[in-house]
N, C-alpha and C. Protein backbone atom coordinates (compact mmCIF):
# COMPACT_ATOMS: atom_id res chain seq x y z
N GLN A 1 -10.18 -13.37 -10.75
CA GLN A 1 -8.80 -13.82 -9.70
C GLN A 1 -7.66 -12.35 -9.78
N VAL A 2 -7.25 -11.86 -8.89
CA VAL A 2 -6.28 -10.81 -8.77
C VAL A 2 -5.27 -11.05 -8.22
N GLN A 3 -3.99 -10.88 -9.25
CA GLN A 3 -2.27 -11.06 -8.70
C GLN A 3 -2.14 -9.88 -8.65
N LEU A 4 -0.96 -9.52 -7.72
CA LEU A 4 -0.15 -8.79 -7.24
C LEU A 4 1.09 -8.20 -7.69
N VAL A 5 1.72 -7.75 -7.58
CA VAL A 5 3.44 -7.96 -7.43
C VAL A 5 3.69 -6.61 -7.12
N GLU A 6 4.49 -6.60 -6.20
CA GLU A 6 5.02 -5.35 -5.47
C GLU A 6 6.67 -5.15 -6.24
N SER A 7 6.94 -4.27 -6.12
CA SER A 7 8.56 -3.79 -6.54
C SER A 7 8.67 -2.38 -6.07
N GLY A 8 10.26 -2.35 -6.05
CA GLY A 8 10.67 -0.86 -5.32
C GLY A 8 11.21 -0.65 -4.39
N GLY A 9 11.47 -1.88 -3.10
CA GLY A 9 11.69 -1.87 -1.89
C GLY A 9 13.48 -2.27 -2.35
N GLY A 10 14.31 -1.68 -1.24
CA GLY A 10 15.38 -1.99 -1.11
C GLY A 10 16.29 -1.49 0.39
N LEU A 11 17.55 -0.78 0.37
CA LEU A 11 17.85 -0.46 1.24
C LEU A 11 18.21 1.60 0.84
N VAL A 12 18.30 1.78 2.05
CA VAL A 12 18.19 3.20 2.30
C VAL A 12 18.30 3.71 3.32
N GLN A 13 18.87 4.96 3.15
CA GLN A 13 19.67 5.92 4.48
C GLN A 13 18.25 6.40 5.08
N ALA A 14 18.38 6.29 6.76
CA ALA A 14 17.30 7.36 7.18
C ALA A 14 17.40 8.98 6.49
N GLY A 15 16.27 8.99 6.70
CA GLY A 15 15.62 10.19 5.76
C GLY A 15 15.49 10.10 4.25
N GLY A 16 16.20 8.79 3.90
CA GLY A 16 15.54 8.89 2.25
C GLY A 16 14.62 8.63 2.25
N SER A 17 14.50 8.54 0.61
CA SER A 17 13.03 8.26 0.06
C SER A 17 13.19 6.57 -0.90
N LEU A 18 11.98 5.90 -0.92
CA LEU A 18 11.56 5.29 -2.00
C LEU A 18 10.39 5.12 -2.60
N ARG A 19 10.14 4.39 -3.70
CA ARG A 19 8.86 4.56 -3.73
C ARG A 19 8.43 2.70 -4.16
N LEU A 20 7.36 2.28 -3.71
CA LEU A 20 7.04 0.92 -4.19
C LEU A 20 5.86 0.78 -4.96
N SER A 21 5.84 0.15 -6.23
CA SER A 21 4.90 -0.41 -6.94
C SER A 21 4.20 -1.73 -6.62
N CYS A 22 2.48 -1.48 -6.82
CA CYS A 22 2.40 -2.28 -6.91
C CYS A 22 0.99 -2.88 -8.00
N ALA A 23 1.79 -3.98 -9.48
CA ALA A 23 1.18 -4.07 -10.05
C ALA A 23 -0.03 -5.04 -10.29
N ALA A 24 -1.07 -4.88 -10.80
CA ALA A 24 -2.20 -5.72 -10.23
C ALA A 24 -2.88 -6.51 -11.78
N SER A 25 -3.57 -7.64 -11.94
CA SER A 25 -3.75 -7.97 -12.81
C SER A 25 -5.34 -7.88 -12.43
N GLY A 26 -6.10 -8.17 -13.44
CA GLY A 26 -7.59 -8.38 -13.44
C GLY A 26 -8.80 -7.03 -14.06
N ARG A 27 -9.60 -6.81 -14.41
CA ARG A 27 -9.98 -5.95 -15.40
C ARG A 27 -10.87 -5.14 -14.56
N THR A 28 -10.72 -5.33 -13.38
CA THR A 28 -11.72 -4.79 -11.73
C THR A 28 -10.98 -4.05 -11.28
N PHE A 29 -9.73 -3.61 -11.67
CA PHE A 29 -8.71 -3.14 -10.62
C PHE A 29 -9.48 -1.68 -10.21
N ARG A 30 -10.33 -1.13 -11.15
CA ARG A 30 -10.48 0.71 -10.99
C ARG A 30 -11.28 0.53 -9.64
N SER A 31 -12.16 -0.62 -9.76
CA SER A 31 -12.95 -0.77 -8.41
C SER A 31 -12.77 -1.23 -7.04
N TYR A 32 -11.86 -1.66 -6.79
CA TYR A 32 -11.12 -2.15 -5.99
C TYR A 32 -10.20 -1.21 -4.79
N THR A 33 -10.20 -1.64 -3.72
CA THR A 33 -9.45 -1.29 -2.70
C THR A 33 -8.64 -1.53 -2.12
N MET A 34 -7.11 -0.64 -2.63
CA MET A 34 -6.40 -1.02 -2.55
C MET A 34 -5.44 -0.27 -1.38
N GLY A 35 -4.48 -1.37 -0.45
CA GLY A 35 -3.71 -1.09 0.62
C GLY A 35 -2.77 -1.64 0.61
N TRP A 36 -1.58 -1.01 1.44
CA TRP A 36 -0.58 -1.06 2.18
C TRP A 36 -0.15 -1.42 3.29
N PHE A 37 0.70 -2.60 3.38
CA PHE A 37 0.29 -2.99 5.17
C PHE A 37 2.05 -3.50 4.95
N ARG A 38 2.51 -3.45 6.28
CA ARG A 38 3.84 -4.08 6.68
C ARG A 38 4.34 -4.69 7.58
N GLN A 39 5.08 -5.56 7.82
CA GLN A 39 5.58 -6.54 8.88
C GLN A 39 6.79 -6.33 9.31
N ALA A 40 7.39 -6.31 9.94
CA ALA A 40 8.69 -6.15 10.81
C ALA A 40 8.95 -7.32 11.63
N PRO A 41 10.34 -7.63 11.57
CA PRO A 41 10.92 -9.00 11.98
C PRO A 41 9.82 -8.82 13.42
N GLY A 42 9.26 -10.18 14.17
CA GLY A 42 8.87 -10.24 15.33
C GLY A 42 7.37 -9.53 15.56
N LYS A 43 7.04 -8.67 14.70
CA LYS A 43 5.95 -7.95 15.12
C LYS A 43 4.87 -8.37 14.13
N GLU A 44 3.28 -7.64 14.74
CA GLU A 44 2.14 -8.40 13.67
C GLU A 44 2.28 -7.42 12.16
N ARG A 45 1.87 -8.03 11.36
CA ARG A 45 1.42 -7.00 10.33
C ARG A 45 0.51 -5.89 10.84
N GLU A 46 1.04 -5.02 10.16
CA GLU A 46 0.18 -3.43 10.69
C GLU A 46 -0.36 -2.71 9.35
N PHE A 47 -1.24 -2.09 9.19
CA PHE A 47 -1.93 -0.99 8.59
C PHE A 47 -1.03 -0.01 7.90
N VAL A 48 -0.77 0.66 6.47
CA VAL A 48 -0.03 1.46 6.43
C VAL A 48 -0.71 2.51 5.64
N ALA A 49 -1.39 2.36 4.66
CA ALA A 49 -2.26 3.16 3.74
C ALA A 49 -3.24 2.63 3.10
N ALA A 50 -4.18 3.09 2.26
CA ALA A 50 -5.06 2.55 1.47
C ALA A 50 -5.54 4.10 0.55
N ILE A 51 -6.24 2.89 -0.58
CA ILE A 51 -7.28 4.06 -1.26
C ILE A 51 -8.20 3.44 -1.56
N ARG A 52 -9.28 4.40 -1.62
CA ARG A 52 -10.53 3.57 -2.54
C ARG A 52 -11.44 4.60 -2.97
N TRP A 53 -11.64 4.20 -4.06
CA TRP A 53 -12.25 5.24 -4.82
C TRP A 53 -13.95 5.18 -4.34
N SER A 54 -14.91 6.60 -4.43
CA SER A 54 -16.00 6.70 -4.07
C SER A 54 -17.10 5.72 -4.81
N GLY A 55 -16.90 5.68 -5.80
CA GLY A 55 -18.25 4.90 -7.41
C GLY A 55 -18.91 6.56 -7.06
N GLY A 56 -19.92 6.12 -7.57
CA GLY A 56 -21.24 6.64 -7.90
C GLY A 56 -20.58 8.00 -9.13
N ALA A 57 -21.64 8.68 -9.12
CA ALA A 57 -21.46 9.96 -10.37
C ALA A 57 -20.23 10.74 -10.02
N THR A 58 -19.53 10.72 -8.60
CA THR A 58 -18.82 12.18 -8.71
C THR A 58 -17.67 11.05 -8.21
N TYR A 59 -16.34 10.53 -8.78
CA TYR A 59 -15.44 9.79 -8.68
C TYR A 59 -14.10 10.47 -7.79
N TYR A 60 -14.16 9.96 -6.50
CA TYR A 60 -12.67 10.82 -6.23
C TYR A 60 -12.27 9.63 -5.21
N ALA A 61 -10.56 9.55 -4.72
CA ALA A 61 -9.98 9.12 -3.82
C ALA A 61 -10.57 9.37 -2.40
N ASN A 62 -10.78 8.06 -1.64
CA ASN A 62 -10.48 8.33 0.05
C ASN A 62 -9.11 7.71 0.19
N LEU A 63 -8.34 8.31 1.03
CA LEU A 63 -7.24 7.97 1.12
C LEU A 63 -6.95 7.89 2.74
N TYR A 64 -6.55 6.88 2.84
CA TYR A 64 -6.33 6.56 4.34
C TYR A 64 -5.15 6.38 4.99
N TYR A 65 -4.69 6.69 6.05
CA TYR A 65 -3.12 6.20 6.46
C TYR A 65 -3.26 6.23 8.02
N ALA A 66 -2.14 5.29 7.80
CA ALA A 66 -1.68 5.15 9.79
C ALA A 66 -1.18 6.38 10.34
N ASP A 67 -1.70 6.41 11.44
CA ASP A 67 -0.71 7.60 12.04
C ASP A 67 1.27 7.77 12.29
N SER A 68 1.34 6.78 12.05
CA SER A 68 3.11 6.35 12.46
C SER A 68 3.63 7.34 10.86
N VAL A 69 2.78 7.15 9.74
CA VAL A 69 3.07 7.54 8.45
C VAL A 69 2.55 8.64 7.33
N LYS A 70 1.47 8.88 8.16
CA LYS A 70 0.78 10.48 8.33
C LYS A 70 2.18 11.66 7.90
N GLY A 71 1.90 12.16 6.81
CA GLY A 71 2.86 13.02 6.07
C GLY A 71 4.19 13.14 5.85
N ARG A 72 4.53 11.80 5.77
CA ARG A 72 5.59 11.30 5.37
C ARG A 72 5.59 10.19 4.04
N PHE A 73 4.25 9.24 4.27
CA PHE A 73 3.84 8.98 3.00
C PHE A 73 2.85 9.19 2.31
N THR A 74 2.71 8.89 0.70
CA THR A 74 1.88 8.82 -0.08
C THR A 74 1.42 7.79 -0.79
N ILE A 75 -0.03 7.52 -0.87
CA ILE A 75 -0.80 6.32 -1.65
C ILE A 75 -1.35 7.03 -3.08
N SER A 76 -0.70 6.85 -3.99
CA SER A 76 -1.58 6.68 -4.98
C SER A 76 -1.84 5.74 -6.39
N ARG A 77 -2.57 6.23 -7.17
CA ARG A 77 -2.83 4.47 -8.25
C ARG A 77 -2.96 5.41 -9.64
N ASP A 78 -2.91 4.59 -10.50
CA ASP A 78 -2.71 4.53 -11.83
C ASP A 78 -3.77 3.69 -12.38
N ASN A 79 -4.90 4.11 -12.81
CA ASN A 79 -6.03 3.29 -13.39
C ASN A 79 -5.28 2.58 -14.64
N ALA A 80 -4.98 3.51 -15.36
CA ALA A 80 -5.01 3.08 -16.41
C ALA A 80 -3.48 1.88 -16.74
N LYS A 81 -2.40 2.30 -15.78
CA LYS A 81 -1.80 1.07 -15.42
C LYS A 81 -2.05 -0.12 -14.65
N ASN A 82 -2.77 0.14 -14.10
CA ASN A 82 -3.29 -1.12 -12.96
C ASN A 82 -2.16 -1.24 -12.23
N THR A 83 -1.54 -0.43 -11.39
CA THR A 83 -0.93 0.15 -10.60
C THR A 83 -1.37 0.99 -9.41
N VAL A 84 -0.75 1.27 -8.43
CA VAL A 84 -0.84 1.17 -7.01
C VAL A 84 0.64 1.81 -6.22
N TYR A 85 0.87 3.08 -5.96
CA TYR A 85 2.51 3.18 -5.54
C TYR A 85 2.10 3.70 -4.20
N LEU A 86 3.11 3.57 -3.31
CA LEU A 86 3.54 4.48 -2.18
C LEU A 86 4.59 4.91 -1.95
N GLN A 87 4.64 6.21 -2.12
CA GLN A 87 5.67 7.05 -2.25
C GLN A 87 6.12 7.31 -0.73
N MET A 88 7.61 6.55 0.03
CA MET A 88 7.57 6.99 1.24
C MET A 88 8.82 8.09 1.78
N ASN A 89 8.68 8.60 1.90
CA ASN A 89 9.93 10.02 2.34
C ASN A 89 10.28 10.11 3.91
N SER A 90 11.40 10.69 3.86
CA SER A 90 11.95 10.92 5.43
C SER A 90 12.02 9.66 5.83
N LEU A 91 12.17 8.48 5.78
CA LEU A 91 12.03 7.62 6.16
C LEU A 91 12.99 7.22 7.24
N LYS A 92 12.69 6.53 8.42
CA LYS A 92 13.31 6.08 9.70
C LYS A 92 13.48 4.70 9.65
N PRO A 93 14.65 4.44 10.65
CA PRO A 93 14.77 2.58 10.61
C PRO A 93 13.47 1.82 11.12
N GLU A 94 12.47 2.68 11.88
CA GLU A 94 11.23 2.01 12.57
C GLU A 94 10.43 1.58 11.11
N ASP A 95 10.79 2.25 9.73
CA ASP A 95 10.01 1.94 8.68
C ASP A 95 10.66 0.37 8.43
N THR A 96 11.67 -0.14 8.47
CA THR A 96 12.13 -1.30 7.77
C THR A 96 10.77 -2.13 8.12
N ALA A 97 10.83 -3.30 7.21
CA ALA A 97 9.79 -3.98 7.17
C ALA A 97 9.50 -4.75 5.82
N VAL A 98 8.75 -5.71 5.81
CA VAL A 98 8.31 -6.19 4.55
C VAL A 98 7.05 -5.68 4.69
N TYR A 99 6.71 -4.91 3.17
CA TYR A 99 5.54 -4.16 2.63
C TYR A 99 4.48 -5.22 1.62
N TYR A 100 3.46 -5.11 2.34
CA TYR A 100 2.58 -5.87 1.14
C TYR A 100 1.52 -5.03 0.66
N CYS A 101 1.61 -5.25 -0.49
CA CYS A 101 0.12 -4.60 -1.60
C CYS A 101 -1.22 -5.68 -1.27
N ALA A 102 -2.58 -4.95 -1.13
CA ALA A 102 -3.29 -6.04 -0.68
C ALA A 102 -4.37 -5.18 -1.84
N ALA A 103 -5.41 -6.18 -2.26
CA ALA A 103 -6.85 -5.95 -3.09
C ALA A 103 -7.64 -6.41 -2.17
N GLY A 104 -8.48 -5.60 -2.44
CA GLY A 104 -10.27 -6.04 -1.60
C GLY A 104 -11.50 -5.67 -3.03
N SER A 105 -12.08 -6.57 -3.07
CA SER A 105 -13.11 -6.39 -4.22
C SER A 105 -14.21 -5.45 -3.28
N THR A 106 -14.02 -5.05 -2.03
CA THR A 106 -15.43 -4.38 -1.53
C THR A 106 -15.24 -2.94 -1.05
N ARG A 107 -16.03 -2.03 -1.05
CA ARG A 107 -16.17 -0.90 -0.97
C ARG A 107 -16.82 -0.45 0.98
N VAL A 108 -16.85 -1.70 1.12
CA VAL A 108 -17.75 -0.99 2.77
C VAL A 108 -16.41 -1.97 2.91
N GLY A 109 -16.54 -1.45 4.56
CA GLY A 109 -15.63 -2.04 5.85
C GLY A 109 -14.47 -1.02 6.01
N ASP A 110 -13.92 -1.15 7.24
CA ASP A 110 -12.68 -0.48 7.23
C ASP A 110 -11.55 -0.86 6.49
N PRO A 111 -10.77 0.22 5.48
CA PRO A 111 -9.72 -0.31 4.58
C PRO A 111 -8.44 -0.46 5.78
N ARG A 112 -8.61 -0.04 7.05
CA ARG A 112 -7.04 -0.10 7.63
C ARG A 112 -7.07 -1.77 8.07
N SER A 113 -8.16 -2.08 7.96
CA SER A 113 -8.40 -3.67 8.65
C SER A 113 -8.01 -4.38 7.19
N ASP A 114 -7.16 -5.93 7.45
CA ASP A 114 -6.57 -6.94 6.79
C ASP A 114 -7.74 -7.29 6.30
N THR A 115 -8.97 -7.62 6.80
CA THR A 115 -10.01 -8.58 6.90
C THR A 115 -10.40 -7.95 5.38
N ILE A 116 -10.41 -7.20 4.68
CA ILE A 116 -11.15 -6.93 4.34
C ILE A 116 -10.63 -7.56 2.63
N TYR A 117 -9.35 -7.42 2.79
CA TYR A 117 -8.69 -7.62 1.46
C TYR A 117 -8.99 -9.40 1.21
N ASP A 118 -8.92 -9.34 -0.14
CA ASP A 118 -9.14 -10.86 -1.27
C ASP A 118 -7.80 -11.07 -1.71
N TYR A 119 -6.73 -10.53 -1.82
CA TYR A 119 -5.71 -11.21 -2.49
C TYR A 119 -4.61 -9.93 -2.19
N TRP A 120 -3.36 -10.69 -1.73
CA TRP A 120 -1.71 -10.09 -1.38
C TRP A 120 -0.94 -10.26 -2.23
N GLY A 121 0.03 -9.52 -2.02
CA GLY A 121 0.91 -9.67 -2.64
C GLY A 121 2.24 -10.47 -2.01
N GLN A 122 3.58 -10.90 -2.37
CA GLN A 122 4.68 -11.62 -2.18
C GLN A 122 5.17 -10.74 -1.08
N GLY A 123 5.38 -9.17 -0.92
CA GLY A 123 5.93 -8.57 -0.39
C GLY A 123 7.13 -8.14 -0.90
N THR A 124 7.90 -6.65 -0.57
CA THR A 124 8.94 -6.30 -0.90
C THR A 124 10.01 -6.02 0.47
N GLN A 125 10.69 -5.79 0.26
CA GLN A 125 11.67 -5.80 1.72
C GLN A 125 12.25 -4.27 1.37
N VAL A 126 11.84 -3.33 2.62
CA VAL A 126 12.58 -1.90 3.17
C VAL A 126 13.13 -2.27 3.93
N PHE A 127 14.67 -1.61 4.02
CA PHE A 127 15.43 -1.73 5.27
C PHE A 127 16.12 -0.13 5.27
N VAL A 128 15.77 0.68 6.63
CA VAL A 128 16.01 1.60 6.61
C VAL A 128 17.67 1.78 7.72
N SER A 129 18.27 2.21 7.20
CA SER A 129 19.81 2.26 8.06
C SER A 129 19.48 3.57 8.83
N SER A 130 20.09 3.49 10.03
CA SER A 130 20.17 4.74 10.72
C SER A 130 21.90 5.28 10.42
């Protein structure tokens, strides 16, 4: 069982920055695919970013981003702290949404799809004013 707790949301002006954090419980955090999704009012949940370790002898991180956030958002993780981060820069009003952290135990499947994730956090609200 993995529990996820997001933090770092809030109100920011357009052009500003926020850093979201997702603290995860569980000893196998290192091997999990971690993702961020968001849901704006009246819209479906959408993929934002994901990070997945390659596994094997050469351990590196594969990063995935939605086109709408590429170049502005950065996902990272600190396995020692069991935490994944989403640094959000140059925020736009259209980034306003509830942001959810997700964890998936599989290293196969498309990290952009919410179907591969087993655990979800409660969400943190981000509001970007124009």
